[in-house]
């Protein structure tokens, strides 16, 4: 029953991400956290599923990927992933942590939620996002994708740009996220001892579900007006930010 719920959730959250570019990954992460006991396995397996989901969106919208944004993001992502690995190694060595799930840094979630709300409603609207901001965000994303499992909400505000069409937002953001999920797999393999092949019977159906969901979502996106997409994108981002903040209050 739990596997069936995860497959259904993977499908519908992938449809959601394909339509508005976000929301699906962090929703699926929350569902997996409820159904799976080990925190580090949630992040590791969620990363594989979202890697496929984001690669699928990238391929489907490959002609709309903003190469300059992606390159800038990758410049920062690699140092961020290396820093995450060093932090994990240091904590494990110094404090002799017995369980990888103890390495979660939950205080990052409300901080990211607060940042999103500031960016959406308090930041000076006339100040355009500089392209170099994606490099710095890549560093932070490299940390967030390892310790939280989802970096979509962190980088999403930078894509609220009138110059980017809906297809470009979804394609470029998906390419950035796919890079992060791919980059953290060696960290979980070498430092956490995660054997991705051992649970292939669970992972494979989830991968198929997100692939199907992405393709269906693409068809729905084509019928979505640009201004409606931008509005839904901001609403979804606001709701995610509030959820991240509320997590710290429970």
Foldseek 3Di string as FASTA:
>chain_A
DLLVVLLVLLQQLLLVCLQQVDDSLVVSLVSLPVSDPANQVSLLLSLVLLLLSLVLLLVVLVVQADVLLLVLLVLQQVLLLVVQLVVLVVCCVPVVDPGPSVQADLVVLLVLLVVLCCLVPVDDPVDADDSNVSNVLSNVLLNCCNRPNDCLLNCLSNLLDPVRFSSHSNNNSSSSSSVSSVSCNVSCCPSVVDDPVVVCVSSVSSNVSSSVSNVVSNVVNVVDDRVNSSVVNSVSSNVSSVVSNVVVVD
